[in-house]
């Protein structure tokens, strides 16, 4: 196996790992956003309470994503491999 093929294989593995991490992270937020109103209603929350929870959830995601992205950008790339 040539050096170029080895590098391409490592890149494909890195992209596959990244895709899996993004999928799992997005899936969990999607399920949480979908199930939060259902569980809140079962616990006796009003429509205003549920709307407030969804709003807070959206604001927290908006704040957290740039911070998490900054943290990921500043980690040493060799930490994961």
N, C-alpha and C. Protein backbone atom coordinates (compact mmCIF):
# COMPACT_ATOMS: atom_id res chain seq x y z
N UNK A 1 0.85 -1.18 0.00
CA UNK A 1 0.00 0.00 0.00
C UNK A 1 0.90 1.24 0.00
N UNK A 2 0.62 2.15 -0.91
CA UNK A 2 1.45 3.34 -1.02
C UNK A 2 1.10 4.33 0.09
N UNK A 3 1.96 5.31 0.24
CA UNK A 3 1.74 6.34 1.26
C UNK A 3 0.48 7.13 0.97
N UNK A 4 0.23 7.40 -0.31
CA UNK A 4 -0.97 8.16 -0.68
C UNK A 4 -2.23 7.39 -0.33
N UNK A 5 -2.23 6.08 -0.57
CA UNK A 5 -3.39 5.26 -0.24
C UNK A 5 -3.60 5.20 1.28
N UNK A 6 -2.52 5.17 2.03
CA UNK A 6 -2.61 5.16 3.49
C UNK A 6 -3.22 6.45 4.00
N UNK A 7 -2.80 7.57 3.45
CA UNK A 7 -3.33 8.87 3.86
C UNK A 7 -4.81 8.97 3.50
N UNK A 8 -5.18 8.50 2.30
CA UNK A 8 -6.59 8.53 1.90
C UNK A 8 -7.42 7.64 2.81
N UNK A 9 -6.88 6.49 3.19
CA UNK A 9 -7.59 5.59 4.10
C UNK A 9 -7.80 6.25 5.47
N UNK A 10 -6.79 6.92 5.97
CA UNK A 10 -6.91 7.63 7.25
C UNK A 10 -7.92 8.76 7.15
N UNK A 11 -7.92 9.48 6.04
CA UNK A 11 -8.88 10.56 5.85
C UNK A 11 -10.31 10.04 5.79
N UNK A 12 -10.51 8.93 5.08
CA UNK A 12 -11.84 8.33 5.01
C UNK A 12 -12.31 7.88 6.38
N UNK A 13 -11.42 7.34 7.18
CA UNK A 13 -11.77 6.91 8.54
C UNK A 13 -12.12 8.12 9.40
N UNK A 14 -11.37 9.20 9.26
CA UNK A 14 -11.65 10.42 10.02
C UNK A 14 -13.00 11.01 9.64
N UNK A 15 -13.29 11.05 8.35
CA UNK A 15 -14.57 11.59 7.90
C UNK A 15 -15.72 10.70 8.37
N UNK A 16 -15.53 9.40 8.33
CA UNK A 16 -16.56 8.48 8.80
C UNK A 16 -16.82 8.67 10.30
N UNK A 17 -15.77 8.83 11.08
CA UNK A 17 -15.92 9.07 12.52
C UNK A 17 -16.63 10.38 12.77
N UNK A 18 -16.28 11.41 12.03
CA UNK A 18 -16.91 12.71 12.18
C UNK A 18 -18.39 12.65 11.82
N UNK A 19 -18.72 11.96 10.74
CA UNK A 19 -20.13 11.82 10.35
C UNK A 19 -20.93 11.10 11.42
N UNK A 20 -20.36 10.06 12.00
CA UNK A 20 -21.05 9.32 13.05
C UNK A 20 -21.29 10.20 14.26
N UNK A 21 -20.29 10.98 14.66
CA UNK A 21 -20.45 11.87 15.81
C UNK A 21 -21.51 12.93 15.55
N UNK A 22 -21.52 13.50 14.38
CA UNK A 22 -22.52 14.52 14.04
C UNK A 22 -23.91 13.90 14.01
N UNK A 23 -24.03 12.71 13.44
CA UNK A 23 -25.32 12.03 13.39
C UNK A 23 -25.85 11.77 14.80
N UNK A 24 -25.02 11.24 15.67
CA UNK A 24 -25.47 10.92 17.03
C UNK A 24 -25.83 12.19 17.81
N UNK A 25 -25.04 13.24 17.64
CA UNK A 25 -25.35 14.49 18.32
C UNK A 25 -26.62 15.13 17.82
N UNK A 26 -26.82 15.14 16.53
CA UNK A 26 -28.03 15.72 15.95
C UNK A 26 -29.25 14.89 16.29
N UNK A 27 -29.10 13.59 16.28
CA UNK A 27 -30.22 12.71 16.58
C UNK A 27 -30.71 12.92 18.01
N UNK A 28 -29.79 13.04 18.95
CA UNK A 28 -30.20 13.22 20.35
C UNK A 28 -30.94 14.54 20.55
N UNK A 29 -30.47 15.61 19.92
CA UNK A 29 -31.16 16.89 20.03
C UNK A 29 -32.53 16.84 19.35
N UNK A 30 -32.61 16.13 18.25
CA UNK A 30 -33.89 16.00 17.57
C UNK A 30 -34.91 15.25 18.40
N UNK A 31 -34.48 14.16 19.01
CA UNK A 31 -35.38 13.39 19.86
C UNK A 31 -35.78 14.20 21.09
N UNK A 32 -34.84 14.93 21.67
CA UNK A 32 -35.16 15.74 22.84
C UNK A 32 -36.16 16.84 22.49
N UNK A 33 -35.95 17.51 21.36
CA UNK A 33 -36.88 18.55 20.94
C UNK A 33 -38.27 18.02 20.65
N UNK A 34 -38.35 16.78 20.18
CA UNK A 34 -39.63 16.17 19.88
C UNK A 34 -40.33 15.66 21.15
N UNK A 35 -39.56 15.07 22.05
CA UNK A 35 -40.17 14.43 23.23
C UNK A 35 -40.39 15.39 24.40
N UNK A 36 -39.70 16.51 24.44
CA UNK A 36 -39.86 17.46 25.56
C UNK A 36 -41.30 17.90 25.75
N UNK A 37 -42.01 18.34 24.72
CA UNK A 37 -43.41 18.74 24.94
C UNK A 37 -44.31 17.59 25.37
N UNK A 38 -44.03 16.40 24.88
CA UNK A 38 -44.86 15.24 25.24
C UNK A 38 -44.73 14.94 26.73
N UNK A 39 -43.50 14.87 27.22
CA UNK A 39 -43.29 14.57 28.63
C UNK A 39 -43.76 15.72 29.52
N UNK A 40 -43.56 16.94 29.06
CA UNK A 40 -44.02 18.09 29.86
C UNK A 40 -45.54 18.06 30.00
N UNK A 41 -46.24 17.72 28.94
CA UNK A 41 -47.71 17.64 28.99
C UNK A 41 -48.14 16.53 29.96
N UNK A 42 -47.43 15.40 29.95
CA UNK A 42 -47.75 14.31 30.87
C UNK A 42 -47.51 14.70 32.32
N UNK A 43 -46.59 15.62 32.54
CA UNK A 43 -46.30 16.09 33.90
C UNK A 43 -47.21 17.23 34.32
N UNK A 44 -48.13 17.64 33.44
CA UNK A 44 -49.11 18.65 33.79
C UNK A 44 -48.74 20.07 33.41
N UNK A 45 -47.79 20.24 32.51
CA UNK A 45 -47.40 21.58 32.09
C UNK A 45 -48.46 22.18 31.17
N UNK A 46 -48.63 23.50 31.28
CA UNK A 46 -49.57 24.19 30.41
C UNK A 46 -48.91 24.48 29.06
N UNK A 47 -49.68 24.99 28.13
CA UNK A 47 -49.14 25.34 26.81
C UNK A 47 -48.08 26.43 26.94
N UNK A 48 -48.29 27.38 27.84
CA UNK A 48 -47.30 28.44 28.06
C UNK A 48 -46.00 27.86 28.62
N UNK A 49 -46.11 26.93 29.55
CA UNK A 49 -44.92 26.27 30.11
C UNK A 49 -44.15 25.52 29.04
N UNK A 50 -44.87 24.79 28.22
CA UNK A 50 -44.22 24.02 27.15
C UNK A 50 -43.54 24.94 26.15
N UNK A 51 -44.20 26.02 25.78
CA UNK A 51 -43.60 27.00 24.88
C UNK A 51 -42.35 27.62 25.47
N UNK A 52 -42.39 27.90 26.76
CA UNK A 52 -41.21 28.45 27.44
C UNK A 52 -40.05 27.47 27.45
N UNK A 53 -40.35 26.19 27.69
CA UNK A 53 -39.28 25.17 27.69
C UNK A 53 -38.65 25.03 26.31
N UNK A 54 -39.49 25.05 25.29
CA UNK A 54 -38.96 24.93 23.93
C UNK A 54 -38.11 26.16 23.58
N UNK A 55 -38.54 27.33 24.01
CA UNK A 55 -37.77 28.55 23.76
C UNK A 55 -36.44 28.52 24.47
N UNK A 56 -36.44 28.10 25.73
CA UNK A 56 -35.19 28.00 26.48
C UNK A 56 -34.26 26.97 25.84
N UNK A 57 -34.82 25.85 25.41
CA UNK A 57 -34.03 24.82 24.73
C UNK A 57 -33.37 25.39 23.48
N UNK A 58 -34.12 26.13 22.68
CA UNK A 58 -33.59 26.71 21.44
C UNK A 58 -32.51 27.75 21.73
N UNK A 59 -32.72 28.57 22.74
CA UNK A 59 -31.72 29.59 23.10
C UNK A 59 -30.44 28.93 23.59
N UNK A 60 -30.57 27.90 24.41
CA UNK A 60 -29.38 27.23 24.93
C UNK A 60 -28.58 26.55 23.82
N UNK A 61 -29.27 25.97 22.85
CA UNK A 61 -28.57 25.37 21.71
C UNK A 61 -27.84 26.45 20.92
N UNK A 62 -28.50 27.59 20.73
CA UNK A 62 -27.91 28.70 19.99
C UNK A 62 -26.65 29.21 20.69
N UNK A 63 -26.65 29.23 21.99
CA UNK A 63 -25.49 29.69 22.75
C UNK A 63 -24.41 28.61 22.79
N UNK A 64 -24.81 27.35 22.96
CA UNK A 64 -23.84 26.28 23.17
C UNK A 64 -23.09 25.88 21.90
N UNK A 65 -23.74 25.91 20.76
CA UNK A 65 -23.08 25.42 19.54
C UNK A 65 -21.81 26.18 19.18
N UNK A 66 -21.80 27.52 19.21
CA UNK A 66 -20.53 28.20 18.92
C UNK A 66 -19.45 27.91 19.96
N UNK A 67 -19.84 27.77 21.21
CA UNK A 67 -18.85 27.46 22.25
C UNK A 67 -18.27 26.06 22.06
N UNK A 68 -19.12 25.11 21.76
CA UNK A 68 -18.64 23.75 21.51
C UNK A 68 -17.77 23.71 20.25
N UNK A 69 -18.18 24.42 19.22
CA UNK A 69 -17.38 24.49 18.00
C UNK A 69 -16.01 25.09 18.23
N UNK A 70 -15.97 26.15 19.03
CA UNK A 70 -14.68 26.76 19.36
C UNK A 70 -13.81 25.77 20.13
N UNK A 71 -14.41 25.05 21.07
CA UNK A 71 -13.65 24.08 21.85
C UNK A 71 -13.10 22.96 20.99
N UNK A 72 -13.92 22.48 20.05
CA UNK A 72 -13.47 21.41 19.17
C UNK A 72 -12.33 21.90 18.27
N UNK A 73 -12.42 23.13 17.79
CA UNK A 73 -11.38 23.68 16.92
C UNK A 73 -10.05 23.81 17.65
N UNK A 74 -10.10 24.00 18.95
CA UNK A 74 -8.86 24.24 19.70
C UNK A 74 -8.30 22.99 20.36
N UNK A 75 -8.95 21.85 20.21
CA UNK A 75 -8.39 20.61 20.71
C UNK A 75 -7.27 20.15 19.77
N UNK A 76 -6.32 19.46 20.33
CA UNK A 76 -5.26 18.90 19.52
C UNK A 76 -5.83 17.79 18.65
N UNK A 77 -5.58 17.83 17.35
CA UNK A 77 -6.12 16.85 16.42
C UNK A 77 -5.63 15.45 16.74
N UNK A 78 -4.44 15.31 17.30
CA UNK A 78 -3.91 14.00 17.63
C UNK A 78 -4.55 13.39 18.86
N UNK A 79 -5.35 14.16 19.57
CA UNK A 79 -6.02 13.66 20.76
C UNK A 79 -6.95 12.51 20.43
N UNK A 80 -7.58 12.56 19.26
CA UNK A 80 -8.57 11.55 18.89
C UNK A 80 -7.98 10.38 18.14
N UNK A 81 -6.81 10.49 17.59
CA UNK A 81 -6.28 9.42 16.72
C UNK A 81 -5.20 8.68 17.41
